[in-house]
């Protein structure tokens, strides 16, 4: 599945930057967080968008304000479920474009 492949590549990329992966595909009743990672003292919640072509626009274009608002609610739900508070958080987006056997990754920090 393309989505899973993209998330795997995003995890590899983030780990290459020194992030540690805390959790993947965390779900609750309001949705899912693709990747939860640690970047030093900060929890990073990552939305991954994978495409095999750009016919529907750049992968980041699919992250609407509605989607961003839901992701912020998901972060709050994750923190509540883990009984953590007062932590530093960041919401990032990773685009994975797979074309002709090549993988192009873009990473936007603190975008949501």
PDB file of N, CA and C in Angstrom:
ATOM      1  N   UNK A   1       0.845  -1.186   0.000  1.00  0.00           N
ATOM      2  CA  UNK A   1       0.000   0.000   0.000  1.00  0.00           C
ATOM      3  C   UNK A   1       0.891   1.251   0.000  1.00  0.00           C
ATOM      4  N   UNK A   2       0.533   2.180  -0.843  1.00  0.00           N
ATOM      5  CA  UNK A   2       1.349   3.372  -1.022  1.00  0.00           C
ATOM      6  C   UNK A   2       1.457   4.199   0.256  1.00  0.00           C
ATOM      7  N   UNK A   3       0.364   4.356   0.978  1.00  0.00           N
ATOM      8  CA  UNK A   3       0.378   5.152   2.202  1.00  0.00           C
ATOM      9  C   UNK A   3       1.336   4.594   3.241  1.00  0.00           C
ATOM     10  N   UNK A   4       1.304   3.296   3.429  1.00  0.00           N
ATOM     11  CA  UNK A   4       2.207   2.644   4.385  1.00  0.00           C
ATOM     12  C   UNK A   4       3.669   2.808   3.957  1.00  0.00           C
ATOM     13  N   UNK A   5       3.908   2.640   2.645  1.00  0.00           N
ATOM     14  CA  UNK A   5       5.260   2.815   2.115  1.00  0.00           C
ATOM     15  C   UNK A   5       5.747   4.238   2.403  1.00  0.00           C
ATOM     16  N   UNK A   6       4.901   5.215   2.170  1.00  0.00           N
ATOM     17  CA  UNK A   6       5.276   6.606   2.424  1.00  0.00           C
ATOM     18  C   UNK A   6       5.573   6.865   3.887  1.00  0.00           C
ATOM     19  N   UNK A   7       4.753   6.292   4.763  1.00  0.00           N
ATOM     20  CA  UNK A   7       4.996   6.467   6.199  1.00  0.00           C
ATOM     21  C   UNK A   7       6.306   5.807   6.612  1.00  0.00           C
ATOM     22  N   UNK A   8       6.597   4.644   6.031  1.00  0.00           N
ATOM     23  CA  UNK A   8       7.883   3.986   6.320  1.00  0.00           C
ATOM     24  C   UNK A   8       9.050   4.876   5.895  1.00  0.00           C
ATOM     25  N   UNK A   9       8.953   5.469   4.703  1.00  0.00           N
ATOM     26  CA  UNK A   9      10.027   6.351   4.214  1.00  0.00           C
ATOM     27  C   UNK A   9      10.131   7.601   5.089  1.00  0.00           C
ATOM     28  N   UNK A  10       8.990   8.137   5.524  1.00  0.00           N
ATOM     29  CA  UNK A  10       9.003   9.310   6.400  1.00  0.00           C
ATOM     30  C   UNK A  10       9.683   8.977   7.723  1.00  0.00           C
ATOM     31  N   UNK A  11       9.408   7.807   8.282  1.00  0.00           N
ATOM     32  CA  UNK A  11      10.063   7.392   9.528  1.00  0.00           C
ATOM     33  C   UNK A  11      11.568   7.265   9.330  1.00  0.00           C
ATOM     34  N   UNK A  12      11.970   6.634   8.227  1.00  0.00           N
ATOM     35  CA  UNK A  12      13.406   6.511   7.933  1.00  0.00           C
ATOM     36  C   UNK A  12      14.053   7.890   7.869  1.00  0.00           C
ATOM     37  N   UNK A  13      13.385   8.800   7.177  1.00  0.00           N
ATOM     38  CA  UNK A  13      13.898  10.169   7.022  1.00  0.00           C
ATOM     39  C   UNK A  13      14.045  10.854   8.387  1.00  0.00           C
ATOM     40  N   UNK A  14      12.997  10.786   9.202  1.00  0.00           N
ATOM     41  CA  UNK A  14      13.027  11.439  10.513  1.00  0.00           C
ATOM     42  C   UNK A  14      14.099  10.828  11.414  1.00  0.00           C
ATOM     43  N   UNK A  15      14.221   9.506  11.384  1.00  0.00           N
ATOM     44  CA  UNK A  15      15.262   8.858  12.185  1.00  0.00           C
ATOM     45  C   UNK A  15      16.650   9.273  11.706  1.00  0.00           C
ATOM     46  N   UNK A  16      16.793   9.482  10.411  1.00  0.00           N
ATOM     47  CA  UNK A  16      18.059   9.968   9.867  1.00  0.00           C
ATOM     48  C   UNK A  16      18.418  11.356  10.372  1.00  0.00           C
ATOM     49  N   UNK A  17      17.384  12.123  10.752  1.00  0.00           N
ATOM     50  CA  UNK A  17      17.618  13.449  11.332  1.00  0.00           C
ATOM     51  C   UNK A  17      17.858  13.381  12.843  1.00  0.00           C
ATOM     52  N   UNK A  18      17.788  12.174  13.406  1.00  0.00           N
ATOM     53  CA  UNK A  18      18.018  12.023  14.834  1.00  0.00           C
ATOM     54  C   UNK A  18      16.749  11.951  15.670  1.00  0.00           C
ATOM     55  N   UNK A  19      15.593  11.952  15.042  1.00  0.00           N
ATOM     56  CA  UNK A  19      14.343  11.826  15.789  1.00  0.00           C
ATOM     57  C   UNK A  19      14.192  10.379  16.236  1.00  0.00           C
ATOM     58  N   UNK A  20      13.500  10.176  17.343  1.00  0.00           N
ATOM     59  CA  UNK A  20      13.130   8.826  17.739  1.00  0.00           C
ATOM     60  C   UNK A  20      11.624   8.687  17.534  1.00  0.00           C
ATOM     61  N   UNK A  21      11.230   7.569  16.953  1.00  0.00           N
ATOM     62  CA  UNK A  21       9.818   7.325  16.692  1.00  0.00           C
ATOM     63  C   UNK A  21       9.187   6.782  17.974  1.00  0.00           C
ATOM     64  N   UNK A  22       8.163   7.469  18.451  1.00  0.00           N
ATOM     65  CA  UNK A  22       7.467   7.092  19.681  1.00  0.00           C
ATOM     66  C   UNK A  22       6.302   6.161  19.358  1.00  0.00           C
ATOM     67  N   UNK A  23       5.572   6.502  18.302  1.00  0.00           N
ATOM     68  CA  UNK A  23       4.372   5.748  17.975  1.00  0.00           C
ATOM     69  C   UNK A  23       3.993   6.026  16.525  1.00  0.00           C
ATOM     70  N   UNK A  24       3.328   5.042  15.927  1.00  0.00           N
ATOM     71  CA  UNK A  24       2.828   5.205  14.550  1.00  0.00           C
ATOM     72  C   UNK A  24       1.357   4.847  14.502  1.00  0.00           C
ATOM     73  N   UNK A  25       0.638   5.571  13.666  1.00  0.00           N
ATOM     74  CA  UNK A  25      -0.768   5.295  13.411  1.00  0.00           C
ATOM     75  C   UNK A  25      -1.604   5.223  14.683  1.00  0.00           C
ATOM     76  N   UNK A  26      -1.409   6.207  15.576  1.00  0.00           N
ATOM     77  CA  UNK A  26      -2.208   6.271  16.800  1.00  0.00           C
ATOM     78  C   UNK A  26      -3.625   6.705  16.423  1.00  0.00           C
ATOM     79  N   UNK A  27      -4.598   5.934  16.906  1.00  0.00           N
ATOM     80  CA  UNK A  27      -5.987   6.199  16.551  1.00  0.00           C
ATOM     81  C   UNK A  27      -6.842   6.408  17.789  1.00  0.00           C
ATOM     82  N   UNK A  28      -7.848   7.254  17.595  1.00  0.00           N
ATOM     83  CA  UNK A  28      -8.913   7.404  18.589  1.00  0.00           C
ATOM     84  C   UNK A  28     -10.197   7.685  17.804  1.00  0.00           C
ATOM     85  N   UNK A  29     -11.250   7.994  18.500  1.00  0.00           N
ATOM     86  CA  UNK A  29     -12.546   8.148  17.827  1.00  0.00           C
ATOM     87  C   UNK A  29     -12.597   9.304  16.832  1.00  0.00           C
ATOM     88  N   UNK A  30     -11.696  10.295  16.968  1.00  0.00           N
ATOM     89  CA  UNK A  30     -11.767  11.444  16.056  1.00  0.00           C
ATOM     90  C   UNK A  30     -10.782  11.370  14.891  1.00  0.00           C
ATOM     91  N   UNK A  31      -9.925  10.358  14.887  1.00  0.00           N
ATOM     92  CA  UNK A  31      -9.000  10.239  13.763  1.00  0.00           C
ATOM     93  C   UNK A  31      -7.709   9.547  14.107  1.00  0.00           C
ATOM     94  N   UNK A  32      -6.678   9.859  13.329  1.00  0.00           N
ATOM     95  CA  UNK A  32      -5.389   9.177  13.439  1.00  0.00           C
ATOM     96  C   UNK A  32      -4.244  10.163  13.288  1.00  0.00           C
ATOM     97  N   UNK A  33      -3.187   9.916  14.059  1.00  0.00           N
ATOM     98  CA  UNK A  33      -1.925  10.631  13.907  1.00  0.00           C
ATOM     99  C   UNK A  33      -0.953   9.649  13.253  1.00  0.00           C
ATOM    100  N   UNK A  34      -0.366  10.055  12.122  1.00  0.00           N
ATOM    101  CA  UNK A  34       0.493   9.142  11.372  1.00  0.00           C
ATOM    102  C   UNK A  34       1.752   8.766  12.146  1.00  0.00           C
ATOM    103  N   UNK A  35       2.493   9.776  12.615  1.00  0.00           N
ATOM    104  CA  UNK A  35       3.749   9.520  13.322  1.00  0.00           C
ATOM    105  C   UNK A  35       3.861  10.463  14.514  1.00  0.00           C
ATOM    106  N   UNK A  36       4.275   9.904  15.636  1.00  0.00           N
ATOM    107  CA  UNK A  36       4.613  10.706  16.813  1.00  0.00           C
ATOM    108  C   UNK A  36       6.083  10.422  17.088  1.00  0.00           C
ATOM    109  N   UNK A  37       6.870  11.476  17.117  1.00  0.00           N
ATOM    110  CA  UNK A  37       8.320  11.326  17.278  1.00  0.00           C
ATOM    111  C   UNK A  37       8.824  12.276  18.354  1.00  0.00           C
ATOM    112  N   UNK A  38      10.060  12.060  18.773  1.00  0.00           N
ATOM    113  CA  UNK A  38      10.744  12.983  19.689  1.00  0.00           C
ATOM    114  C   UNK A  38      11.907  13.615  18.951  1.00  0.00           C
ATOM    115  N   UNK A  39      11.983  14.929  19.064  1.00  0.00           N
ATOM    116  CA  UNK A  39      13.119  15.689  18.549  1.00  0.00           C
ATOM    117  C   UNK A  39      13.686  16.420  19.753  1.00  0.00           C
ATOM    118  N   UNK A  40      14.702  15.837  20.341  1.00  0.00           N
ATOM    119  CA  UNK A  40      15.281  16.317  21.595  1.00  0.00           C
ATOM    120  C   UNK A  40      14.207  16.387  22.681  1.00  0.00           C
ATOM    121  N   UNK A  41      13.847  17.573  23.117  1.00  0.00           N
ATOM    122  CA  UNK A  41      12.905  17.703  24.234  1.00  0.00           C
ATOM    123  C   UNK A  41      11.469  17.958  23.764  1.00  0.00           C
ATOM    124  N   UNK A  42      11.200  17.747  22.500  1.00  0.00           N
ATOM    125  CA  UNK A  42       9.900  18.100  21.924  1.00  0.00           C
ATOM    126  C   UNK A  42       9.235  16.875  21.286  1.00  0.00           C
ATOM    127  N   UNK A  43       7.939  16.740  21.493  1.00  0.00           N
ATOM    128  CA  UNK A  43       7.156  15.738  20.781  1.00  0.00           C
ATOM    129  C   UNK A  43       6.738  16.347  19.445  1.00  0.00           C
ATOM    130  N   UNK A  44       6.924  15.592  18.379  1.00  0.00           N
ATOM    131  CA  UNK A  44       6.588  16.060  17.046  1.00  0.00           C
ATOM    132  C   UNK A  44       5.493  15.142  16.486  1.00  0.00           C
ATOM    133  N   UNK A  45       4.376  15.747  16.133  1.00  0.00           N
ATOM    134  CA  UNK A  45       3.239  15.026  15.574  1.00  0.00           C
ATOM    135  C   UNK A  45       3.251  15.283  14.077  1.00  0.00           C
ATOM    136  N   UNK A  46       3.353  14.203  13.298  1.00  0.00           N
ATOM    137  CA  UNK A  46       3.634  14.332  11.875  1.00  0.00           C
ATOM    138  C   UNK A  46       2.480  13.795  11.028  1.00  0.00           C
ATOM    139  N   UNK A  47       2.012  14.628  10.130  1.00  0.00           N
ATOM    140  CA  UNK A  47       1.049  14.223   9.112  1.00  0.00           C
ATOM    141  C   UNK A  47       1.839  13.889   7.856  1.00  0.00           C
ATOM    142  N   UNK A  48       1.655  12.674   7.345  1.00  0.00           N
ATOM    143  CA  UNK A  48       2.376  12.224   6.159  1.00  0.00           C
ATOM    144  C   UNK A  48       1.397  12.157   4.989  1.00  0.00           C
ATOM    145  N   UNK A  49       1.783  12.750   3.889  1.00  0.00           N
ATOM    146  CA  UNK A  49       0.987  12.694   2.663  1.00  0.00           C
ATOM    147  C   UNK A  49       1.854  12.089   1.569  1.00  0.00           C
ATOM    148  N   UNK A  50       1.383  10.973   1.008  1.00  0.00           N
ATOM    149  CA  UNK A  50       2.136  10.251  -0.005  1.00  0.00           C
ATOM    150  C   UNK A  50       1.361  10.265  -1.320  1.00  0.00           C
ATOM    151  N   UNK A  51       2.063  10.495  -2.394  1.00  0.00           N
ATOM    152  CA  UNK A  51       1.462  10.486  -3.730  1.00  0.00           C
ATOM    153  C   UNK A  51       2.420   9.794  -4.692  1.00  0.00           C
ATOM    154  N   UNK A  52       1.839   9.223  -5.750  1.00  0.00           N
ATOM    155  CA  UNK A  52       2.658   8.620  -6.813  1.00  0.00           C
ATOM    156  C   UNK A  52       2.686   9.512  -8.043  1.00  0.00           C
ATOM    157  N   UNK A  53       1.913  10.587  -8.015  1.00  0.00           N
ATOM    158  CA  UNK A  53       1.897  11.560  -9.110  1.00  0.00           C
ATOM    159  C   UNK A  53       1.404  12.879  -8.535  1.00  0.00           C
ATOM    160  N   UNK A  54       1.620  13.936  -9.265  1.00  0.00           N
ATOM    161  CA  UNK A  54       1.159  15.231  -8.763  1.00  0.00           C
ATOM    162  C   UNK A  54      -0.063  15.742  -9.521  1.00  0.00           C
ATOM    163  N   UNK A  55      -0.810  14.828 -10.140  1.00  0.00           N
ATOM    164  CA  UNK A  55      -2.007  15.192 -10.877  1.00  0.00           C
ATOM    165  C   UNK A  55      -3.088  15.821 -10.016  1.00  0.00           C
ATOM    166  N   UNK A  56      -3.074  15.506  -8.733  1.00  0.00           N
ATOM    167  CA  UNK A  56      -4.046  16.082  -7.801  1.00  0.00           C
ATOM    168  C   UNK A  56      -3.425  17.215  -7.000  1.00  0.00           C
ATOM    169  N   UNK A  57      -2.300  17.733  -7.451  1.00  0.00           N
ATOM    170  CA  UNK A  57      -1.613  18.805  -6.744  1.00  0.00           C
ATOM    171  C   UNK A  57      -0.539  18.252  -5.825  1.00  0.00           C
ATOM    172  N   UNK A  58       0.208  19.160  -5.240  1.00  0.00           N
ATOM    173  CA  UNK A  58       1.263  18.768  -4.307  1.00  0.00           C
ATOM    174  C   UNK A  58       0.624  18.116  -3.087  1.00  0.00           C
ATOM    175  N   UNK A  59       1.271  17.110  -2.520  1.00  0.00           N
ATOM    176  CA  UNK A  59       0.693  16.435  -1.346  1.00  0.00           C
ATOM    177  C   UNK A  59       0.315  17.379  -0.205  1.00  0.00           C
ATOM    178  N   UNK A  60       1.081  18.443   0.009  1.00  0.00           N
ATOM    179  CA  UNK A  60       0.766  19.364   1.094  1.00  0.00           C
ATOM    180  C   UNK A  60      -0.562  20.093   0.868  1.00  0.00           C
ATOM    181  N   UNK A  61      -0.979  20.196  -0.387  1.00  0.00           N
ATOM    182  CA  UNK A  61      -2.229  20.894  -0.683  1.00  0.00           C
ATOM    183  C   UNK A  61      -3.446  20.205  -0.084  1.00  0.00           C
ATOM    184  N   UNK A  62      -3.320  18.932   0.250  1.00  0.00           N
ATOM    185  CA  UNK A  62      -4.453  18.201   0.825  1.00  0.00           C
ATOM    186  C   UNK A  62      -4.625  18.463   2.323  1.00  0.00           C
ATOM    187  N   UNK A  63      -3.701  19.212   2.918  1.00  0.00           N
ATOM    188  CA  UNK A  63      -3.824  19.535   4.343  1.00  0.00           C
ATOM    189  C   UNK A  63      -4.574  20.863   4.456  1.00  0.00           C
ATOM    190  N   UNK A  64      -5.857  20.747   4.646  1.00  0.00           N
ATOM    191  CA  UNK A  64      -6.729  21.914   4.740  1.00  0.00           C
ATOM    192  C   UNK A  64      -6.763  22.443   6.171  1.00  0.00           C
ATOM    193  N   UNK A  65      -7.377  23.592   6.368  1.00  0.00           N
ATOM    194  CA  UNK A  65      -7.526  24.139   7.715  1.00  0.00           C
ATOM    195  C   UNK A  65      -8.374  23.205   8.573  1.00  0.00           C
ATOM    196  N   UNK A  66      -9.371  22.571   7.978  1.00  0.00           N
ATOM    197  CA  UNK A  66     -10.204  21.606   8.710  1.00  0.00           C
ATOM    198  C   UNK A  66      -9.352  20.438   9.190  1.00  0.00           C
ATOM    199  N   UNK A  67      -8.488  19.926   8.312  1.00  0.00           N
ATOM    200  CA  UNK A  67      -7.589  18.826   8.671  1.00  0.00           C
ATOM    201  C   UNK A  67      -6.623  19.270   9.773  1.00  0.00           C
ATOM    202  N   UNK A  68      -6.084  20.467   9.662  1.00  0.00           N
ATOM    203  CA  UNK A  68      -5.154  20.979  10.669  1.00  0.00           C
ATOM    204  C   UNK A  68      -5.845  21.107  12.031  1.00  0.00           C
ATOM    205  N   UNK A  69      -7.082  21.589  12.042  1.00  0.00           N
ATOM    206  CA  UNK A  69      -7.824  21.725  13.301  1.00  0.00           C
ATOM    207  C   UNK A  69      -8.053  20.354  13.927  1.00  0.00           C
ATOM    208  N   UNK A  70      -8.376  19.354  13.110  1.00  0.00           N
ATOM    209  CA  UNK A  70      -8.574  18.006  13.641  1.00  0.00           C
ATOM    210  C   UNK A  70      -7.270  17.459  14.212  1.00  0.00           C
ATOM    211  N   UNK A  71      -6.144  17.729  13.529  1.00  0.00           N
ATOM    212  CA  UNK A  71      -4.861  17.259  14.041  1.00  0.00           C
ATOM    213  C   UNK A  71      -4.534  17.896  15.389  1.00  0.00           C
ATOM    214  N   UNK A  72      -4.866  19.161  15.554  1.00  0.00           N
ATOM    215  CA  UNK A  72      -4.628  19.798  16.856  1.00  0.00           C
ATOM    216  C   UNK A  72      -5.475  19.126  17.944  1.00  0.00           C
ATOM    217  N   UNK A  73      -6.711  18.769  17.612  1.00  0.00           N
ATOM    218  CA  UNK A  73      -7.565  18.049  18.578  1.00  0.00           C
ATOM    219  C   UNK A  73      -6.994  16.658  18.870  1.00  0.00           C
ATOM    220  N   UNK A  74      -6.448  16.019  17.847  1.00  0.00           N
ATOM    221  CA  UNK A  74      -5.835  14.703  18.037  1.00  0.00           C
ATOM    222  C   UNK A  74      -4.630  14.774  18.964  1.00  0.00           C
ATOM    223  N   UNK A  75      -3.822  15.810  18.836  1.00  0.00           N
ATOM    224  CA  UNK A  75      -2.673  15.983  19.734  1.00  0.00           C
ATOM    225  C   UNK A  75      -3.158  16.100  21.173  1.00  0.00           C
ATOM    226  N   UNK A  76      -4.200  16.890  21.392  1.00  0.00           N
ATOM    227  CA  UNK A  76      -4.757  17.035  22.744  1.00  0.00           C
ATOM    228  C   UNK A  76      -5.279  15.694  23.249  1.00  0.00           C
ATOM    229  N   UNK A  77      -5.927  14.921  22.379  1.00  0.00           N
ATOM    230  CA  UNK A  77      -6.448  13.610  22.783  1.00  0.00           C
ATOM    231  C   UNK A  77      -5.313  12.651  23.116  1.00  0.00           C
ATOM    232  N   UNK A  78      -4.233  12.697  22.328  1.00  0.00           N
ATOM    233  CA  UNK A  78      -3.087  11.827  22.608  1.00  0.00           C
ATOM    234  C   UNK A  78      -2.480  12.182  23.969  1.00  0.00           C
ATOM    235  N   UNK A  79      -2.286  13.472  24.218  1.00  0.00           N
ATOM    236  CA  UNK A  79      -1.715  13.912  25.497  1.00  0.00           C
ATOM    237  C   UNK A  79      -2.597  13.468  26.655  1.00  0.00           C
ATOM    238  N   UNK A  80      -3.909  13.596  26.485  1.00  0.00           N
ATOM    239  CA  UNK A  80      -4.834  13.175  27.538  1.00  0.00           C
ATOM    240  C   UNK A  80      -4.763  11.663  27.751  1.00  0.00           C
ATOM    241  N   UNK A  81      -4.699  10.903  26.666  1.00  0.00           N
ATOM    242  CA  UNK A  81      -4.652   9.439  26.785  1.00  0.00           C
ATOM    243  C   UNK A  81      -3.360   8.967  27.446  1.00  0.00           C
ATOM    244  N   UNK A  82      -2.290   9.723  27.286  1.00  0.00           N
ATOM    245  CA  UNK A  82      -0.993   9.368  27.873  1.00  0.00           C
ATOM    246  C   UNK A  82      -0.766  10.060  29.215  1.00  0.00           C
ATOM    247  N   UNK A  83      -1.740  10.875  29.608  1.00  0.00           N
ATOM    248  CA  UNK A  83      -1.686  11.623  30.869  1.00  0.00           C
ATOM    249  C   UNK A  83      -0.412  12.458  30.969  1.00  0.00           C
ATOM    250  N   UNK A  84      -0.136  13.178  29.881  1.00  0.00           N
ATOM    251  CA  UNK A  84       1.007  14.088  29.881  1.00  0.00           C
ATOM    252  C   UNK A  84       0.494  15.504  29.684  1.00  0.00           C
ATOM    253  N   UNK A  85       1.170  16.421  30.317  1.00  0.00           N
ATOM    254  CA  UNK A  85       0.824  17.833  30.149  1.00  0.00           C
ATOM    255  C   UNK A  85       2.089  18.659  30.273  1.00  0.00           C
ATOM    256  N   UNK A  86       2.022  19.863  29.781  1.00  0.00           N
ATOM    257  CA  UNK A  86       3.167  20.768  29.872  1.00  0.00           C
ATOM    258  C   UNK A  86       4.338  20.364  29.002  1.00  0.00           C
ATOM    259  N   UNK A  87       4.081  19.562  27.986  1.00  0.00           N
ATOM    260  CA  UNK A  87       5.176  19.140  27.105  1.00  0.00           C
ATOM    261  C   UNK A  87       5.282  20.094  25.925  1.00  0.00           C
ATOM    262  N   UNK A  88       6.469  20.147  25.337  1.00  0.00           N
ATOM    263  CA  UNK A  88       6.663  20.930  24.124  1.00  0.00           C
ATOM    264  C   UNK A  88       6.219  20.081  22.936  1.00  0.00           C
ATOM    265  N   UNK A  89       5.396  20.667  22.070  1.00  0.00           N
ATOM    266  CA  UNK A  89       4.914  19.934  20.906  1.00  0.00           C
ATOM    267  C   UNK A  89       5.132  20.752  19.640  1.00  0.00           C
ATOM    268  N   UNK A  90       5.169  20.038  18.527  1.00  0.00           N
ATOM    269  CA  UNK A  90       5.254  20.668  17.219  1.00  0.00           C
ATOM    270  C   UNK A  90       4.470  19.797  16.248  1.00  0.00           C
ATOM    271  N   UNK A  91       3.764  20.420  15.333  1.00  0.00           N
ATOM    272  CA  UNK A  91       3.039  19.707  14.291  1.00  0.00           C
ATOM    273  C   UNK A  91       3.743  19.933  12.965  1.00  0.00           C
ATOM    274  N   UNK A  92       4.189  18.838  12.359  1.00  0.00           N
ATOM    275  CA  UNK A  92       4.923  18.887  11.100  1.00  0.00           C
ATOM    276  C   UNK A  92       4.150  18.163  10.006  1.00  0.00           C
ATOM    277  N   UNK A  93       4.557  18.383   8.781  1.00  0.00           N
ATOM    278  CA  UNK A  93       4.021  17.661   7.630  1.00  0.00           C
ATOM    279  C   UNK A  93       5.189  17.135   6.814  1.00  0.00           C
ATOM    280  N   UNK A  94       5.045  15.901   6.346  1.00  0.00           N
ATOM    281  CA  UNK A  94       6.046  15.297   5.479  1.00  0.00           C
ATOM    282  C   UNK A  94       5.344  14.852   4.206  1.00  0.00           C
ATOM    283  N   UNK A  95       5.882  15.279   3.080  1.00  0.00           N
ATOM    284  CA  UNK A  95       5.384  14.882   1.770  1.00  0.00           C
ATOM    285  C   UNK A  95       6.316  13.828   1.206  1.00  0.00           C
ATOM    286  N   UNK A  96       5.721  12.731   0.728  1.00  0.00           N
ATOM    287  CA  UNK A  96       6.501  11.674   0.080  1.00  0.00           C
ATOM    288  C   UNK A  96       5.939  11.507  -1.325  1.00  0.00           C
ATOM    289  N   UNK A  97       6.746  11.838  -2.318  1.00  0.00           N
ATOM    290  CA  UNK A  97       6.334  11.706  -3.711  1.00  0.00           C
ATOM    291  C   UNK A  97       7.148  10.577  -4.331  1.00  0.00           C
ATOM    292  N   UNK A  98       6.453   9.545  -4.792  1.00  0.00           N
ATOM    293  CA  UNK A  98       7.096   8.361  -5.361  1.00  0.00           C
ATOM    294  C   UNK A  98       6.785   8.331  -6.863  1.00  0.00           C
ATOM    295  N   UNK A  99       7.843   8.508  -7.664  1.00  0.00           N
ATOM    296  CA  UNK A  99       7.665   8.496  -9.126  1.00  0.00           C
ATOM    297  C   UNK A  99       8.840   7.778  -9.769  1.00  0.00           C
ATOM    298  N   UNK A 100       8.510   6.873 -10.674  1.00  0.00           N
ATOM    299  CA  UNK A 100       9.533   6.162 -11.460  1.00  0.00           C
ATOM    300  C   UNK A 100      10.612   5.558 -10.570  1.00  0.00           C
ATOM    301  N   UNK A 101      10.216   4.983  -9.452  1.00  0.00           N
ATOM    302  CA  UNK A 101      11.160   4.338  -8.555  1.00  0.00           C
ATOM    303  C   UNK A 101      11.979   5.280  -7.690  1.00  0.00           C
ATOM    304  N   UNK A 102      11.716   6.564  -7.805  1.00  0.00           N
ATOM    305  CA  UNK A 102      12.440   7.557  -7.001  1.00  0.00           C
ATOM    306  C   UNK A 102      11.526   8.106  -5.929  1.00  0.00           C
ATOM    307  N   UNK A 103      12.110   8.414  -4.781  1.00  0.00           N
ATOM    308  CA  UNK A 103      11.348   8.946  -3.654  1.00  0.00           C
ATOM    309  C   UNK A 103      11.865  10.340  -3.334  1.00  0.00           C
ATOM    310  N   UNK A 104      10.953  11.308  -3.328  1.00  0.00           N
ATOM    311  CA  UNK A 104      11.301  12.678  -2.969  1.00  0.00           C
ATOM    312  C   UNK A 104      10.547  13.036  -1.685  1.00  0.00           C
ATOM    313  N   UNK A 105      11.288  13.452  -0.664  1.00  0.00           N
ATOM    314  CA  UNK A 105      10.697  13.781   0.622  1.00  0.00           C
ATOM    315  C   UNK A 105      10.885  15.262   0.913  1.00  0.00           C
ATOM    316  N   UNK A 106       9.798  15.897   1.342  1.00  0.00           N
ATOM    317  CA  UNK A 106       9.847  17.283   1.803  1.00  0.00           C
ATOM    318  C   UNK A 106       9.296  17.305   3.229  1.00  0.00           C
ATOM    319  N   UNK A 107       9.891  18.146   4.064  1.00  0.00           N
ATOM    320  CA  UNK A 107       9.526  18.208   5.484  1.00  0.00           C
ATOM    321  C   UNK A 107       9.305  19.662   5.856  1.00  0.00           C
ATOM    322  N   UNK A 108       8.097  19.962   6.289  1.00  0.00           N
ATOM    323  CA  UNK A 108       7.782  21.298   6.765  1.00  0.00           C
ATOM    324  C   UNK A 108       7.555  21.233   8.268  1.00  0.00           C
ATOM    325  N   UNK A 109       8.309  22.036   8.995  1.00  0.00           N
ATOM    326  CA  UNK A 109       8.186  22.057  10.456  1.00  0.00           C
ATOM    327  C   UNK A 109       7.199  23.115  10.902  1.00  0.00           C
ATOM    328  N   UNK A 110       6.498  22.797  11.983  1.00  0.00           N
ATOM    329  CA  UNK A 110       5.563  23.718  12.644  1.00  0.00           C
ATOM    330  C   UNK A 110       4.620  24.372  11.616  1.00  0.00           C
ATOM    331  N   UNK A 111       3.950  23.517  10.866  1.00  0.00           N
ATOM    332  CA  UNK A 111       3.088  24.043   9.807  1.00  0.00           C
ATOM    333  C   UNK A 111       1.602  24.010  10.157  1.00  0.00           C
ATOM    334  N   UNK A 112       1.262  23.249  11.143  1.00  0.00           N
ATOM    335  CA  UNK A 112      -0.161  23.069  11.425  1.00  0.00           C
ATOM    336  C   UNK A 112      -0.558  23.733  12.714  1.00  0.00           C
TER     337      UNK A 112
END
